[in-house]
Amino acid sequence: MRLLDRVHGQHVHVRRVRVIGEQIATLLPRNARVLDVGCGDGSLAASIKESRPDLDFSGIDVLVRSKTSIPVQQFNGSRIPYGDRSLDVVMFVDVLHHTDDPMVLLREATRTASTAIVVKDHTLTGPFAGPTLRFMDWVGNARHGVALPYNYWKRQQWFDACEQLGLEIGVWQADLKIYPWPATWVFDRSLHFIARFDPNDRSVSSPQ
């Protein structure tokens, strides 16, 4: 496990933060107040803020770490402790598949976000998708005590959830190239996506 931790930290985590951060940065509106749900140590939000200093980040997590790069408060894992439409953007990065029912937090995001919901997660697509995603989850999260229910959705389930919640898919990006070659052949494939879900009763402004 220690060897896997070292390899993951040196060759996967740093690249993951950079690649995902660069792509999410293009999806966030100017001067937005962004809540990162399940933010961990806040390194991803801090990375995004380097290129987007106009953004105001805060985080919530079930397990608050001793050192974080953004302000983080604890929450119960089901209710976002903010008022209705009090945030511009709610962000979930590899968080929803750690819950027993992703719809619970998606509903909360729809309640609290006035502009957009940004999600980075997985799709259960292709041969051996389940075992591959379980392995990635275990390596990246087991040592932090993160719950691992391995609750991965197929792409159509994401689309159905958006329709049920009154959200439009403003952006859907796959083929993220999170992993370096040749690991990308095994661990990227069509297993990852980044999406911006827009409430269909409000217009979403674009970054300037």
C-alpha atoms as a PDB file:
ATOM      1  CA  MET A   1       0.000   0.000   0.000  1.00  0.00           C
ATOM      2  CA  ARG A   2       2.847   2.395   0.779  1.00  0.00           C
ATOM      3  CA  LEU A   3       4.345   1.830  -2.674  1.00  0.00           C
ATOM      4  CA  LEU A   4       0.956   2.448  -4.306  1.00  0.00           C
ATOM      5  CA  ASP A   5       0.520   5.606  -2.210  1.00  0.00           C
ATOM      6  CA  ARG A   6       3.898   6.894  -3.341  1.00  0.00           C
ATOM      7  CA  VAL A   7       3.280   6.133  -7.016  1.00  0.00           C
ATOM      8  CA  HIS A   8      -0.204   7.644  -6.872  1.00  0.00           C
ATOM      9  CA  GLY A   9       1.024  10.780  -5.146  1.00  0.00           C
ATOM     10  CA  GLN A  10       3.985  11.373  -7.422  1.00  0.00           C
ATOM     11  CA  HIS A  11       2.594  10.343 -10.787  1.00  0.00           C
ATOM     12  CA  VAL A  12      -1.190  10.585 -10.599  1.00  0.00           C
ATOM     13  CA  HIS A  13      -2.447  13.066  -7.991  1.00  0.00           C
ATOM     14  CA  VAL A  14      -0.450  16.099  -9.132  1.00  0.00           C
ATOM     15  CA  ARG A  15      -1.347  15.553 -12.784  1.00  0.00           C
ATOM     16  CA  ARG A  16      -4.991  14.892 -11.880  1.00  0.00           C
ATOM     17  CA  VAL A  17      -5.276  18.188 -10.007  1.00  0.00           C
ATOM     18  CA  ARG A  18      -3.711  20.092 -12.899  1.00  0.00           C
ATOM     19  CA  VAL A  19      -5.699  18.466 -15.722  1.00  0.00           C
ATOM     20  CA  ILE A  20      -9.073  18.582 -13.989  1.00  0.00           C
ATOM     21  CA  GLY A  21      -8.448  22.077 -12.655  1.00  0.00           C
ATOM     22  CA  GLU A  22      -7.599  23.458 -16.100  1.00  0.00           C
ATOM     23  CA  GLN A  23     -10.807  22.085 -17.575  1.00  0.00           C
ATOM     24  CA  ILE A  24     -13.103  23.145 -14.743  1.00  0.00           C
ATOM     25  CA  ALA A  25     -11.635  26.660 -14.764  1.00  0.00           C
ATOM     26  CA  THR A  26     -13.123  27.232 -18.227  1.00  0.00           C
ATOM     27  CA  LEU A  27     -16.631  26.326 -17.028  1.00  0.00           C
ATOM     28  CA  LEU A  28     -16.970  28.753 -14.121  1.00  0.00           C
ATOM     29  CA  PRO A  29     -18.588  32.189 -14.535  1.00  0.00           C
ATOM     30  CA  ARG A  30     -16.729  35.368 -13.616  1.00  0.00           C
ATOM     31  CA  ASN A  31     -16.591  36.406  -9.956  1.00  0.00           C
ATOM     32  CA  ALA A  32     -18.525  33.324  -8.895  1.00  0.00           C
ATOM     33  CA  ARG A  33     -18.915  32.123  -5.345  1.00  0.00           C
ATOM     34  CA  VAL A  34     -18.062  28.430  -5.647  1.00  0.00           C
ATOM     35  CA  LEU A  35     -18.675  25.707  -3.078  1.00  0.00           C
ATOM     36  CA  ASP A  36     -16.509  22.599  -3.476  1.00  0.00           C
ATOM     37  CA  VAL A  37     -18.443  19.720  -1.893  1.00  0.00           C
ATOM     38  CA  GLY A  38     -16.222  16.908  -0.640  1.00  0.00           C
ATOM     39  CA  CYS A  39     -13.180  19.077  -1.274  1.00  0.00           C
ATOM     40  CA  GLY A  40     -10.613  17.060   0.676  1.00  0.00           C
ATOM     41  CA  ASP A  41      -7.570  19.237   1.276  1.00  0.00           C
ATOM     42  CA  GLY A  42      -8.821  21.891  -1.156  1.00  0.00           C
ATOM     43  CA  SER A  43      -5.854  21.504  -3.506  1.00  0.00           C
ATOM     44  CA  LEU A  44      -8.033  21.349  -6.612  1.00  0.00           C
ATOM     45  CA  ALA A  45      -9.871  24.560  -5.768  1.00  0.00           C
ATOM     46  CA  ALA A  46      -6.560  26.253  -4.993  1.00  0.00           C
ATOM     47  CA  SER A  47      -5.195  25.112  -8.354  1.00  0.00           C
ATOM     48  CA  ILE A  48      -8.207  26.557 -10.190  1.00  0.00           C
ATOM     49  CA  LYS A  49      -7.877  29.833  -8.311  1.00  0.00           C
ATOM     50  CA  GLU A  50      -4.305  30.260  -9.576  1.00  0.00           C
ATOM     51  CA  SER A  51      -5.663  30.856 -13.081  1.00  0.00           C
ATOM     52  CA  ARG A  52      -9.008  32.284 -11.928  1.00  0.00           C
ATOM     53  CA  PRO A  53      -8.274  34.676  -9.038  1.00  0.00           C
ATOM     54  CA  ASP A  54     -11.724  36.225  -9.525  1.00  0.00           C
ATOM     55  CA  LEU A  55     -13.357  33.142  -7.971  1.00  0.00           C
ATOM     56  CA  ASP A  56     -14.283  32.843  -4.296  1.00  0.00           C
ATOM     57  CA  PHE A  57     -13.892  29.233  -3.131  1.00  0.00           C
ATOM     58  CA  SER A  58     -15.037  27.539   0.053  1.00  0.00           C
ATOM     59  CA  GLY A  59     -15.431  23.866   0.821  1.00  0.00           C
ATOM     60  CA  ILE A  60     -17.389  21.367   2.872  1.00  0.00           C
ATOM     61  CA  ASP A  61     -16.487  17.785   3.681  1.00  0.00           C
ATOM     62  CA  VAL A  62     -17.586  14.969   5.947  1.00  0.00           C
ATOM     63  CA  LEU A  63     -13.965  14.521   7.031  1.00  0.00           C
ATOM     64  CA  VAL A  64     -12.140  17.835   7.511  1.00  0.00           C
ATOM     65  CA  ARG A  65      -8.381  17.471   7.228  1.00  0.00           C
ATOM     66  CA  SER A  66      -5.950  19.255   9.519  1.00  0.00           C
ATOM     67  CA  LYS A  67      -4.432  21.272   6.663  1.00  0.00           C
ATOM     68  CA  THR A  68      -6.504  22.646   3.791  1.00  0.00           C
ATOM     69  CA  SER A  69      -5.822  25.103   0.974  1.00  0.00           C
ATOM     70  CA  ILE A  70      -9.267  26.745   1.196  1.00  0.00           C
ATOM     71  CA  PRO A  71     -11.674  27.343   4.103  1.00  0.00           C
ATOM     72  CA  VAL A  72     -13.481  24.061   4.832  1.00  0.00           C
ATOM     73  CA  GLN A  73     -16.333  23.304   7.199  1.00  0.00           C
ATOM     74  CA  GLN A  74     -17.743  19.940   8.188  1.00  0.00           C
ATOM     75  CA  PHE A  75     -21.180  18.798   7.023  1.00  0.00           C
ATOM     76  CA  ASN A  76     -23.314  15.708   7.453  1.00  0.00           C
ATOM     77  CA  GLY A  77     -22.925  14.396   3.922  1.00  0.00           C
ATOM     78  CA  SER A  78     -26.513  14.975   2.878  1.00  0.00           C
ATOM     79  CA  ARG A  79     -27.543  18.608   3.469  1.00  0.00           C
ATOM     80  CA  ILE A  80     -25.494  21.499   2.114  1.00  0.00           C
ATOM     81  CA  PRO A  81     -25.402  24.082   4.950  1.00  0.00           C
ATOM     82  CA  TYR A  82     -26.261  27.095   2.762  1.00  0.00           C
ATOM     83  CA  GLY A  83     -29.493  28.871   1.947  1.00  0.00           C
ATOM     84  CA  ASP A  84     -31.522  28.592  -1.242  1.00  0.00           C
ATOM     85  CA  ARG A  85     -29.757  30.144  -4.255  1.00  0.00           C
ATOM     86  CA  SER A  86     -27.053  31.511  -1.924  1.00  0.00           C
ATOM     87  CA  LEU A  87     -24.173  30.191  -4.061  1.00  0.00           C
ATOM     88  CA  ASP A  88     -23.308  30.758  -7.689  1.00  0.00           C
ATOM     89  CA  VAL A  89     -21.800  27.329  -8.356  1.00  0.00           C
ATOM     90  CA  VAL A  90     -21.747  24.032  -6.491  1.00  0.00           C
ATOM     91  CA  MET A  91     -18.953  21.683  -7.523  1.00  0.00           C
ATOM     92  CA  PHE A  92     -18.599  17.921  -7.035  1.00  0.00           C
ATOM     93  CA  VAL A  93     -15.283  16.383  -8.086  1.00  0.00           C
ATOM     94  CA  ASP A  94     -15.263  12.589  -7.761  1.00  0.00           C
ATOM     95  CA  VAL A  95     -17.678  12.844  -4.839  1.00  0.00           C
ATOM     96  CA  LEU A  96     -21.122  11.647  -5.894  1.00  0.00           C
ATOM     97  CA  HIS A  97     -20.102   8.027  -6.479  1.00  0.00           C
ATOM     98  CA  HIS A  98     -19.029   7.935  -2.819  1.00  0.00           C
ATOM     99  CA  THR A  99     -22.641   8.456  -1.728  1.00  0.00           C
ATOM    100  CA  ASP A 100     -25.393   5.863  -1.395  1.00  0.00           C
ATOM    101  CA  ASP A 101     -27.722   8.068  -3.473  1.00  0.00           C
ATOM    102  CA  PRO A 102     -26.176  10.830  -5.632  1.00  0.00           C
ATOM    103  CA  MET A 103     -29.626  12.375  -6.111  1.00  0.00           C
ATOM    104  CA  VAL A 104     -29.613  13.600  -2.501  1.00  0.00           C
ATOM    105  CA  LEU A 105     -26.673  15.942  -3.032  1.00  0.00           C
ATOM    106  CA  LEU A 106     -27.684  16.820  -6.576  1.00  0.00           C
ATOM    107  CA  ARG A 107     -31.034  18.048  -5.217  1.00  0.00           C
ATOM    108  CA  GLU A 108     -29.192  20.070  -2.589  1.00  0.00           C
ATOM    109  CA  ALA A 109     -26.952  21.576  -5.263  1.00  0.00           C
ATOM    110  CA  THR A 110     -29.998  22.474  -7.349  1.00  0.00           C
ATOM    111  CA  ARG A 111     -31.452  24.196  -4.288  1.00  0.00           C
ATOM    112  CA  THR A 112     -28.346  26.197  -3.355  1.00  0.00           C
ATOM    113  CA  ALA A 113     -26.701  26.991  -6.715  1.00  0.00           C
ATOM    114  CA  SER A 114     -28.098  29.976  -8.599  1.00  0.00           C
ATOM    115  CA  THR A 115     -26.028  29.573 -11.757  1.00  0.00           C
ATOM    116  CA  ALA A 116     -24.523  26.128 -12.353  1.00  0.00           C
ATOM    117  CA  ILE A 117     -23.532  22.759 -10.959  1.00  0.00           C
ATOM    118  CA  VAL A 118     -20.155  21.402 -12.057  1.00  0.00           C
ATOM    119  CA  VAL A 119     -19.537  17.661 -11.786  1.00  0.00           C
ATOM    120  CA  LYS A 120     -16.470  15.548 -12.411  1.00  0.00           C
ATOM    121  CA  ASP A 121     -17.330  11.885 -12.033  1.00  0.00           C
ATOM    122  CA  HIS A 122     -17.401   8.524 -13.796  1.00  0.00           C
ATOM    123  CA  THR A 123     -19.542   6.640 -16.257  1.00  0.00           C
ATOM    124  CA  LEU A 124     -19.905   2.893 -15.997  1.00  0.00           C
ATOM    125  CA  THR A 125     -19.112   2.288 -19.653  1.00  0.00           C
ATOM    126  CA  GLY A 126     -17.163  -0.384 -21.488  1.00  0.00           C
ATOM    127  CA  PRO A 127     -15.603  -3.738 -20.576  1.00  0.00           C
ATOM    128  CA  PHE A 128     -14.139  -4.077 -17.067  1.00  0.00           C
ATOM    129  CA  ALA A 129     -15.339  -0.562 -16.173  1.00  0.00           C
ATOM    130  CA  GLY A 130     -16.505  -1.596 -12.704  1.00  0.00           C
ATOM    131  CA  PRO A 131     -13.293  -3.318 -11.567  1.00  0.00           C
ATOM    132  CA  THR A 132     -11.137  -0.529 -13.025  1.00  0.00           C
ATOM    133  CA  LEU A 133     -13.083   2.206 -11.246  1.00  0.00           C
ATOM    134  CA  ARG A 134     -13.065   0.264  -7.975  1.00  0.00           C
ATOM    135  CA  PHE A 135      -9.291  -0.117  -8.151  1.00  0.00           C
ATOM    136  CA  MET A 136      -8.771   3.608  -8.824  1.00  0.00           C
ATOM    137  CA  ASP A 137     -11.111   4.519  -5.978  1.00  0.00           C
ATOM    138  CA  TRP A 138      -9.405   2.210  -3.526  1.00  0.00           C
ATOM    139  CA  VAL A 139      -5.895   3.435  -4.345  1.00  0.00           C
ATOM    140  CA  GLY A 140      -6.866   7.106  -4.219  1.00  0.00           C
ATOM    141  CA  ASN A 141      -9.167   7.122  -1.197  1.00  0.00           C
ATOM    142  CA  ALA A 142      -8.883   4.132   1.132  1.00  0.00           C
ATOM    143  CA  ARG A 143      -5.997   5.624   3.114  1.00  0.00           C
ATOM    144  CA  HIS A 144      -8.047   8.770   3.829  1.00  0.00           C
ATOM    145  CA  GLY A 145     -10.949   6.838   5.362  1.00  0.00           C
ATOM    146  CA  VAL A 146     -13.322   7.864   2.564  1.00  0.00           C
ATOM    147  CA  ALA A 147     -16.491   5.777   2.180  1.00  0.00           C
ATOM    148  CA  LEU A 148     -16.260   3.460  -0.837  1.00  0.00           C
ATOM    149  CA  PRO A 149     -19.729   2.275  -1.898  1.00  0.00           C
ATOM    150  CA  TYR A 150     -18.529   2.179  -5.545  1.00  0.00           C
ATOM    151  CA  ASN A 151     -21.814   3.691  -6.694  1.00  0.00           C
ATOM    152  CA  TYR A 152     -21.057   4.379 -10.360  1.00  0.00           C
ATOM    153  CA  TRP A 153     -23.747   5.466 -12.830  1.00  0.00           C
ATOM    154  CA  LYS A 154     -24.114   4.808 -16.516  1.00  0.00           C
ATOM    155  CA  ARG A 155     -24.214   7.919 -18.698  1.00  0.00           C
ATOM    156  CA  GLN A 156     -27.960   7.671 -19.231  1.00  0.00           C
ATOM    157  CA  GLN A 157     -28.486   7.765 -15.475  1.00  0.00           C
ATOM    158  CA  TRP A 158     -26.753  11.155 -15.356  1.00  0.00           C
ATOM    159  CA  PHE A 159     -28.975  12.409 -18.168  1.00  0.00           C
ATOM    160  CA  ASP A 160     -32.099  11.084 -16.446  1.00  0.00           C
ATOM    161  CA  ALA A 161     -31.101  12.748 -13.169  1.00  0.00           C
ATOM    162  CA  CYS A 162     -30.689  16.111 -14.910  1.00  0.00           C
ATOM    163  CA  GLU A 163     -34.106  15.825 -16.512  1.00  0.00           C
ATOM    164  CA  GLN A 164     -35.695  14.922 -13.189  1.00  0.00           C
ATOM    165  CA  LEU A 165     -34.070  17.905 -11.433  1.00  0.00           C
ATOM    166  CA  GLY A 166     -34.856  20.426 -14.161  1.00  0.00           C
ATOM    167  CA  LEU A 167     -31.232  20.792 -15.250  1.00  0.00           C
ATOM    168  CA  GLU A 168     -29.827  21.174 -18.742  1.00  0.00           C
ATOM    169  CA  ILE A 169     -26.465  19.745 -19.734  1.00  0.00           C
ATOM    170  CA  GLY A 170     -24.585  22.878 -20.745  1.00  0.00           C
ATOM    171  CA  VAL A 171     -21.260  21.087 -21.173  1.00  0.00           C
ATOM    172  CA  TRP A 172     -20.273  17.412 -21.241  1.00  0.00           C
ATOM    173  CA  GLN A 173     -16.593  16.629 -21.707  1.00  0.00           C
ATOM    174  CA  ALA A 174     -15.126  13.136 -21.848  1.00  0.00           C
ATOM    175  CA  ASP A 175     -11.689  11.831 -22.888  1.00  0.00           C
ATOM    176  CA  LEU A 176     -10.084  13.951 -20.178  1.00  0.00           C
ATOM    177  CA  LYS A 177      -6.579  12.417 -20.392  1.00  0.00           C
ATOM    178  CA  ILE A 178      -6.083  12.518 -16.646  1.00  0.00           C
ATOM    179  CA  TYR A 179      -3.454   9.780 -16.667  1.00  0.00           C
ATOM    180  CA  PRO A 180      -0.081   9.831 -18.430  1.00  0.00           C
ATOM    181  CA  TRP A 181       0.712   7.442 -21.270  1.00  0.00           C
ATOM    182  CA  PRO A 182       0.485   4.440 -21.254  1.00  0.00           C
ATOM    183  CA  ALA A 183      -1.771   4.375 -18.163  1.00  0.00           C
ATOM    184  CA  THR A 184      -4.354   6.420 -20.077  1.00  0.00           C
ATOM    185  CA  TRP A 185      -5.217   3.300 -22.125  1.00  0.00           C
ATOM    186  CA  VAL A 186      -6.382   1.525 -18.972  1.00  0.00           C
ATOM    187  CA  PHE A 187      -7.595   4.238 -16.613  1.00  0.00           C
ATOM    188  CA  ASP A 188      -9.007   6.975 -18.880  1.00  0.00           C
ATOM    189  CA  ARG A 189     -10.962   5.379 -21.740  1.00  0.00           C
ATOM    190  CA  SER A 190     -14.575   6.574 -21.438  1.00  0.00           C
ATOM    191  CA  LEU A 191     -14.642   6.262 -17.653  1.00  0.00           C
ATOM    192  CA  HIS A 192     -14.436   9.963 -16.764  1.00  0.00           C
ATOM    193  CA  PHE A 193     -16.386  13.109 -17.567  1.00  0.00           C
ATOM    194  CA  ILE A 194     -16.644  16.746 -16.561  1.00  0.00           C
ATOM    195  CA  ALA A 195     -20.039  18.401 -16.972  1.00  0.00           C
ATOM    196  CA  ARG A 196     -21.763  21.693 -16.247  1.00  0.00           C
ATOM    197  CA  PHE A 197     -25.417  21.298 -15.399  1.00  0.00           C
ATOM    198  CA  ASP A 198     -27.393  24.512 -15.868  1.00  0.00           C
ATOM    199  CA  PRO A 199     -30.722  25.200 -14.156  1.00  0.00           C
ATOM    200  CA  ASN A 200     -33.079  25.552 -17.117  1.00  0.00           C
ATOM    201  CA  ASP A 201     -34.989  28.464 -15.590  1.00  0.00           C
ATOM    202  CA  ARG A 202     -31.946  30.732 -15.309  1.00  0.00           C
ATOM    203  CA  SER A 203     -29.339  31.882 -17.808  1.00  0.00           C
ATOM    204  CA  VAL A 204     -25.696  31.021 -17.180  1.00  0.00           C
ATOM    205  CA  SER A 205     -22.996  33.597 -17.825  1.00  0.00           C
ATOM    206  CA  SER A 206     -19.746  32.573 -19.472  1.00  0.00           C
ATOM    207  CA  PRO A 207     -16.214  33.312 -18.290  1.00  0.00           C
ATOM    208  CA  GLN A 208     -14.797  36.510 -19.756  1.00  0.00           C
END
